[in-house]
Amino acid sequence: MKTFIVNSKNPSSFEETNFKCPIAKGRDVLIRVKSIAPCEVDVALRTKRVGEVIGTDAAGIIVETGRDVKGFRVGDEVYYHSDHSREGCHSEFHLINEERLARKPVSMSFEEAATMPGSTLLAYESLFDSLQVDPEVSRGKSLLITNSRCSVSAMVVQLAANLTNLVIFTIASNDEEAEYMQAMGADYILDDSFSLDTQLKHYGLKRVDFIFSIVKEYDDILRIRSITDRDSRATYLISSQHENEVMNHFDSRLNFEQDFIFCGESQCSSLENQGERLKEIAELIDAGAFESLLTANLGIIDEESLAYAHRMVENDQLLGKVVLNYSE
């Protein structure tokens, strides 16, 4: 089977090789991968997993089931977020435990479905578990998303717009970002080049209730102090590349509730009830609640296109997500 491993001499590139197709045992299913969507976690894994198969988000068709599998059968079309402790989905065939996947949304193609699992799982955890937003009592409260060039931010907006009554603010650096976040469901767009507190006053607010922020440096946290008070709550998503830089400067005396989600090798891999949550998300997608995050399709996967997709993610070159396919 066609497989792509991280190049041991140059971890920013990949090497195509052929492995023997694995056999599904126990509660594992064997999936013929149709589409993959490289993400920030994959970028973080490259330097830690040289010479190995990585890859996190995918969609495909089950071609074999282990004898203990109860919820799926051969021919099911599924989407999923991989277990990082095992080989990833940068491979034509992929083994995964049935608890980690769900049938893909009927209304989405394989390409569209592959963009959804990781970003949606993290967004759901951020909004409802970490920020503790209660949809039943959210009317009149405000949510600020500080980074528009992140698929998780886009899903936080979609979840908040469709499942809560929050007033949603996002920050944009240009018209492209502003239009994208409005399409995702944001109510108001703040200009990244101006003072946040001044802009919020224009909407009659002195502070926001909830903040979701992609943090790359400690200044990203300091910036929101002027729009918080002791009743505010913030969740920060921090990649493994920026964890030390941020946490070495963190001041716990900031007087509002703060929570950190560290997006590295284990994050999302250990989320409980992934399959059940992805099933719920698929139902919401088919009901028309959410849009796909797909914004770029690079076609058939090879060494060059896979490396290019990783560079696009690493360098924040696109809004939404990029996909590659194993067949037409």
Protein backbone atom coordinates (compact mmCIF):
# COMPACT_ATOMS: atom_id res chain seq x y z
CA MET A 1 0.00 0.00 0.00
CA LYS A 2 1.18 3.54 -0.75
CA THR A 3 2.46 5.22 2.43
CA PHE A 4 4.22 8.50 3.21
CA ILE A 5 6.75 8.69 6.04
CA VAL A 6 8.41 11.79 7.47
CA ASN A 7 11.80 12.11 5.81
CA SER A 8 14.45 11.29 8.44
CA LYS A 9 17.00 13.60 6.80
CA ASN A 10 14.60 16.49 6.25
CA PRO A 11 11.49 16.45 8.50
CA SER A 12 9.82 19.14 6.40
CA SER A 13 9.48 16.64 3.55
CA PHE A 14 8.03 13.17 3.02
CA GLU A 15 9.17 9.95 1.43
CA GLU A 16 6.79 7.65 -0.43
CA THR A 17 7.19 3.97 0.36
CA ASN A 18 5.19 0.75 0.21
CA PHE A 19 4.14 -1.12 3.32
CA LYS A 20 2.28 -4.38 3.67
CA CYS A 21 -1.42 -3.75 4.23
CA PRO A 22 -2.33 -4.36 7.90
CA ILE A 23 -5.06 -6.73 9.09
CA ALA A 24 -7.98 -5.57 11.25
CA LYS A 25 -8.20 -7.36 14.59
CA GLY A 26 -10.25 -6.90 17.76
CA ARG A 27 -12.12 -3.59 17.63
CA ASP A 28 -9.98 -2.15 14.82
CA VAL A 29 -11.33 -1.39 11.36
CA LEU A 30 -9.24 -1.11 8.22
CA ILE A 31 -10.06 2.01 6.22
CA ARG A 32 -9.24 2.72 2.62
CA VAL A 33 -8.37 6.38 3.02
CA LYS A 34 -9.97 8.61 0.41
CA SER A 35 -9.02 12.11 1.64
CA ILE A 36 -6.77 13.61 4.30
CA ALA A 37 -6.61 17.13 5.76
CA PRO A 38 -3.21 18.02 7.27
CA CYS A 39 -3.48 20.17 10.40
CA GLU A 40 -1.41 21.98 13.02
CA VAL A 41 -1.01 18.79 15.05
CA ASP A 42 0.56 17.05 12.05
CA VAL A 43 3.05 19.90 11.72
CA ALA A 44 3.98 19.51 15.40
CA LEU A 45 4.37 15.74 15.01
CA ARG A 46 6.81 15.87 12.09
CA THR A 47 9.96 16.55 14.10
CA LYS A 48 8.97 14.05 16.81
CA ARG A 49 8.09 11.20 14.45
CA VAL A 50 10.78 11.20 11.76
CA GLY A 51 10.77 8.05 9.68
CA GLU A 52 7.20 7.30 10.76
CA VAL A 53 3.71 7.62 9.31
CA ILE A 54 1.78 10.57 10.74
CA GLY A 55 -1.54 12.13 9.78
CA THR A 56 -4.54 13.08 11.85
CA ASP A 57 -7.81 13.88 10.01
CA ALA A 58 -9.23 11.69 7.27
CA ALA A 59 -12.28 10.20 5.61
CA GLY A 60 -12.61 6.90 3.82
CA ILE A 61 -14.36 3.55 3.40
CA ILE A 62 -14.16 0.55 5.74
CA VAL A 63 -12.78 -2.48 3.88
CA GLU A 64 -12.28 -4.87 6.82
CA THR A 65 -13.42 -5.14 10.43
CA GLY A 66 -11.96 -6.93 13.44
CA ARG A 67 -14.04 -9.73 14.94
CA ASP A 68 -15.05 -7.59 17.96
CA VAL A 69 -16.30 -4.59 15.98
CA LYS A 70 -19.98 -3.93 16.73
CA GLY A 71 -20.89 -0.56 15.28
CA PHE A 72 -19.56 -0.67 11.71
CA ARG A 73 -19.41 -2.93 8.69
CA VAL A 74 -17.52 -3.19 5.42
CA GLY A 75 -18.59 -0.46 3.02
CA ASP A 76 -19.38 2.19 5.64
CA GLU A 77 -18.16 5.66 4.71
CA VAL A 78 -16.52 7.21 7.77
CA TYR A 79 -14.55 10.20 9.03
CA TYR A 80 -12.25 10.38 12.04
CA HIS A 81 -9.43 11.90 14.07
CA SER A 82 -6.46 9.55 14.48
CA ASP A 83 -4.84 8.13 17.61
CA HIS A 84 -1.39 9.76 17.66
CA SER A 85 0.14 6.79 19.48
CA ARG A 86 -0.38 4.70 16.32
CA GLU A 87 0.52 5.13 12.67
CA GLY A 88 -1.34 8.00 11.06
CA CYS A 89 -3.51 8.43 7.99
CA HIS A 90 -0.81 9.52 5.53
CA SER A 91 -1.30 6.04 4.14
CA GLU A 92 -3.56 4.42 1.57
CA PHE A 93 -4.97 2.03 4.19
CA HIS A 94 -5.25 2.80 7.88
CA LEU A 95 -6.14 0.88 11.06
CA ILE A 96 -8.16 2.65 13.73
CA ASN A 97 -10.28 1.64 16.72
CA GLU A 98 -14.00 1.87 16.03
CA GLU A 99 -14.54 4.14 19.05
CA ARG A 100 -12.66 6.93 17.29
CA LEU A 101 -14.74 7.24 14.14
CA ALA A 102 -18.26 7.92 12.92
CA ARG A 103 -20.12 7.61 9.65
CA LYS A 104 -19.34 10.67 7.60
CA PRO A 105 -22.05 13.24 6.95
CA VAL A 106 -24.17 12.09 4.02
CA SER A 107 -24.29 15.64 2.68
CA MET A 108 -20.49 15.96 2.47
CA SER A 109 -17.95 14.54 0.06
CA PHE A 110 -14.92 12.68 1.42
CA GLU A 111 -12.85 15.82 0.87
CA GLU A 112 -15.26 17.99 2.82
CA ALA A 113 -15.69 15.47 5.62
CA ALA A 114 -11.92 15.04 6.12
CA THR A 115 -11.61 18.71 7.11
CA MET A 116 -14.00 18.43 10.05
CA PRO A 117 -12.96 15.98 12.82
CA GLY A 118 -9.98 17.50 14.65
CA SER A 119 -11.01 21.13 14.37
CA THR A 120 -14.58 20.38 15.42
CA LEU A 121 -13.56 18.20 18.38
CA LEU A 122 -11.19 20.89 19.66
CA ALA A 123 -13.74 23.63 19.08
CA TYR A 124 -16.42 21.66 20.95
CA GLU A 125 -14.07 21.01 23.87
CA SER A 126 -13.04 24.67 23.96
CA LEU A 127 -16.53 26.15 23.85
CA PHE A 128 -18.53 23.77 26.02
CA ASP A 129 -16.00 21.98 28.26
CA SER A 130 -13.31 24.59 28.81
CA LEU A 131 -15.24 27.87 28.51
CA GLN A 132 -18.28 26.11 30.03
CA VAL A 133 -20.76 27.90 27.80
CA ASP A 134 -24.30 26.82 28.62
CA PRO A 135 -26.48 27.21 25.50
CA GLU A 136 -29.60 27.53 27.65
CA VAL A 137 -28.38 30.66 29.45
CA SER A 138 -26.14 32.22 26.79
CA ARG A 139 -28.49 34.92 25.50
CA GLY A 140 -27.02 38.39 25.89
CA LYS A 141 -23.49 37.12 26.61
CA SER A 142 -20.54 37.77 24.35
CA LEU A 143 -17.79 35.62 22.82
CA LEU A 144 -14.57 36.90 21.25
CA ILE A 145 -12.43 34.74 18.92
CA THR A 146 -9.03 36.37 18.44
CA ASN A 147 -7.51 34.49 15.50
CA SER A 148 -9.32 34.17 12.18
CA ARG A 149 -6.63 32.17 10.40
CA CYS A 150 -7.31 28.93 12.20
CA SER A 151 -9.79 26.18 11.38
CA VAL A 152 -10.54 25.64 15.09
CA SER A 153 -11.54 29.32 15.38
CA ALA A 154 -13.85 28.90 12.39
CA MET A 155 -15.53 25.93 14.06
CA VAL A 156 -15.86 27.76 17.39
CA VAL A 157 -17.75 30.44 15.47
CA GLN A 158 -19.98 27.88 13.74
CA LEU A 159 -20.74 26.02 16.98
CA ALA A 160 -21.52 29.24 18.83
CA ALA A 161 -23.66 30.61 16.00
CA ASN A 162 -25.75 27.46 15.65
CA LEU A 163 -25.91 26.00 19.16
CA THR A 164 -25.92 29.08 21.44
CA ASN A 165 -27.34 32.59 21.64
CA LEU A 166 -23.97 34.27 22.17
CA VAL A 167 -23.09 37.52 20.44
CA ILE A 168 -19.97 36.56 18.45
CA PHE A 169 -17.03 38.90 17.85
CA THR A 170 -13.95 37.95 15.85
CA ILE A 171 -10.75 39.82 15.04
CA ALA A 172 -9.62 40.12 11.43
CA SER A 173 -6.50 41.55 9.81
CA ASN A 174 -7.94 42.03 6.33
CA ASP A 175 -11.14 41.85 4.27
CA GLU A 176 -10.59 38.19 3.35
CA GLU A 177 -10.52 37.15 7.02
CA ALA A 178 -13.50 39.35 7.84
CA GLU A 179 -15.62 37.91 5.03
CA TYR A 180 -14.66 34.34 5.95
CA MET A 181 -15.59 34.70 9.61
CA GLN A 182 -18.86 36.41 8.74
CA ALA A 183 -19.64 33.47 6.46
CA MET A 184 -18.94 31.14 9.40
CA GLY A 185 -21.49 33.04 11.51
CA ALA A 186 -19.69 35.88 13.33
CA ASP A 187 -21.94 38.80 14.26
CA TYR A 188 -19.29 41.53 14.41
CA ILE A 189 -15.71 41.87 13.14
CA LEU A 190 -13.07 43.82 15.06
CA ASP A 191 -10.09 45.36 13.26
CA ASP A 192 -6.79 43.83 14.37
CA SER A 193 -4.96 47.13 13.91
CA PHE A 194 -7.05 49.11 16.43
CA SER A 195 -7.66 49.01 20.17
CA LEU A 196 -10.03 46.21 21.16
CA ASP A 197 -11.60 48.04 24.10
CA THR A 198 -12.32 51.13 21.97
CA GLN A 199 -14.03 49.01 19.31
CA LEU A 200 -16.09 47.09 21.87
CA LYS A 201 -17.35 50.36 23.37
CA HIS A 202 -18.81 51.11 19.94
CA TYR A 203 -21.07 48.08 20.50
CA GLY A 204 -21.92 49.12 24.05
CA LEU A 205 -19.55 46.67 25.77
CA LYS A 206 -16.74 47.26 28.25
CA ARG A 207 -15.71 43.64 28.43
CA VAL A 208 -16.52 40.22 26.93
CA ASP A 209 -17.81 37.16 28.77
CA PHE A 210 -15.91 34.47 26.88
CA ILE A 211 -12.66 34.52 24.90
CA PHE A 212 -11.18 31.84 22.64
CA SER A 213 -7.63 32.64 21.58
CA ILE A 214 -4.95 30.92 19.52
CA VAL A 215 -1.81 31.90 21.44
CA LYS A 216 1.63 32.05 19.83
CA GLU A 217 3.29 34.48 22.24
CA TYR A 218 2.50 35.84 25.68
CA ASP A 219 1.54 39.24 24.27
CA ASP A 220 -1.53 37.51 22.80
CA ILE A 221 -2.74 36.97 26.37
CA LEU A 222 -1.76 40.42 27.63
CA ARG A 223 -3.69 42.06 24.82
CA ILE A 224 -7.07 40.90 26.10
CA ARG A 225 -6.65 42.18 29.69
CA SER A 226 -8.35 45.48 28.91
CA ILE A 227 -11.56 43.74 27.78
CA THR A 228 -11.95 41.32 30.71
CA ASP A 229 -13.03 41.43 34.33
CA ARG A 230 -13.29 38.88 37.11
CA ASP A 231 -16.41 37.37 35.53
CA SER A 232 -14.75 36.78 32.16
CA ARG A 233 -13.46 33.39 31.11
CA ALA A 234 -10.74 32.67 28.53
CA THR A 235 -9.48 29.52 26.84
CA TYR A 236 -6.11 29.52 25.07
CA LEU A 237 -5.15 26.99 22.43
CA ILE A 238 -1.36 26.67 22.40
CA SER A 239 0.66 24.49 20.02
CA SER A 240 3.67 22.56 21.27
CA GLN A 241 5.98 24.91 19.31
CA HIS A 242 4.88 27.88 21.43
CA GLU A 243 4.17 26.23 24.79
CA ASN A 244 7.45 27.06 26.55
CA GLU A 245 7.57 30.64 25.27
CA VAL A 246 4.06 31.36 26.54
CA MET A 247 4.10 29.53 29.85
CA ASN A 248 7.49 30.89 30.94
CA HIS A 249 5.89 34.35 31.03
CA PHE A 250 2.45 33.43 32.30
CA ASP A 251 1.17 35.52 35.21
CA SER A 252 -1.49 33.64 37.18
CA ARG A 253 -2.49 36.90 38.92
CA LEU A 254 -4.54 38.03 35.92
CA ASN A 255 -7.96 38.39 37.53
CA PHE A 256 -10.18 36.31 35.26
CA GLU A 257 -10.72 32.59 34.73
CA GLN A 258 -8.22 31.12 32.27
CA ASP A 259 -7.80 27.64 30.84
CA PHE A 260 -5.15 26.20 28.54
CA ILE A 261 -5.48 23.54 25.86
CA PHE A 262 -2.09 22.33 24.69
CA CYS A 263 -2.31 21.13 21.11
CA GLY A 264 0.48 18.61 20.76
CA GLU A 265 1.10 14.93 20.35
CA SER A 266 -1.48 13.80 22.89
CA GLN A 267 -4.16 16.47 22.47
CA CYS A 268 -7.33 15.23 20.81
CA SER A 269 -5.74 11.77 20.81
CA SER A 270 -7.05 11.33 24.34
CA LEU A 271 -10.44 13.00 23.99
CA GLU A 272 -13.17 10.76 25.31
CA ASN A 273 -16.22 9.76 23.30
CA GLN A 274 -14.74 10.91 20.01
CA GLY A 275 -16.89 8.64 17.92
CA GLU A 276 -20.11 9.63 19.68
CA ARG A 277 -19.29 13.31 19.38
CA LEU A 278 -18.41 12.96 15.70
CA LYS A 279 -21.72 11.15 15.18
CA GLU A 280 -23.58 14.09 16.74
CA ILE A 281 -21.61 16.53 14.58
CA ALA A 282 -22.42 14.54 11.42
CA GLU A 283 -26.12 14.73 12.26
CA LEU A 284 -25.87 18.50 12.75
CA ILE A 285 -24.01 18.87 9.46
CA ASP A 286 -26.69 16.91 7.60
CA ALA A 287 -29.31 19.12 9.26
CA GLY A 288 -27.60 22.15 7.72
CA ALA A 289 -25.97 23.55 10.86
CA PHE A 290 -22.32 23.57 9.77
CA GLU A 291 -20.33 24.28 6.64
CA SER A 292 -17.24 22.35 5.55
CA LEU A 293 -13.86 23.92 6.31
CA LEU A 294 -12.51 22.94 2.88
CA THR A 295 -10.90 25.86 1.04
CA ALA A 296 -8.11 24.20 -1.00
CA ASN A 297 -7.88 20.82 -2.74
CA LEU A 298 -4.41 19.84 -3.95
CA GLY A 299 -5.58 16.72 -5.77
CA ILE A 300 -3.79 13.37 -5.70
CA ILE A 301 -1.30 12.97 -2.88
CA ASP A 302 2.42 12.59 -3.59
CA GLU A 303 5.61 13.60 -1.79
CA GLU A 304 5.59 17.13 -3.18
CA SER A 305 1.89 17.92 -2.67
CA LEU A 306 1.92 16.55 0.90
CA ALA A 307 4.94 18.67 1.83
CA TYR A 308 3.31 21.70 0.22
CA ALA A 309 0.09 21.15 2.18
CA HIS A 310 2.10 21.02 5.42
CA ARG A 311 3.83 24.29 4.51
CA MET A 312 0.47 25.93 3.87
CA VAL A 313 -0.69 24.91 7.35
CA GLU A 314 2.57 25.81 9.06
CA ASN A 315 2.77 29.26 7.46
CA ASP A 316 -0.93 30.19 7.87
CA GLN A 317 -1.29 30.51 4.11
CA LEU A 318 -5.01 29.83 3.91
CA LEU A 319 -8.28 30.22 5.71
CA GLY A 320 -10.01 26.92 6.37
CA LYS A 321 -8.31 23.65 5.49
CA VAL A 322 -6.44 21.96 2.65
CA VAL A 323 -7.06 18.38 1.52
CA LEU A 324 -5.33 15.72 -0.57
CA ASN A 325 -6.79 12.56 -2.07
CA TYR A 326 -5.60 9.00 -2.66
CA SER A 327 -7.73 8.54 -5.78
CA GLU A 328 -9.95 10.51 -8.12
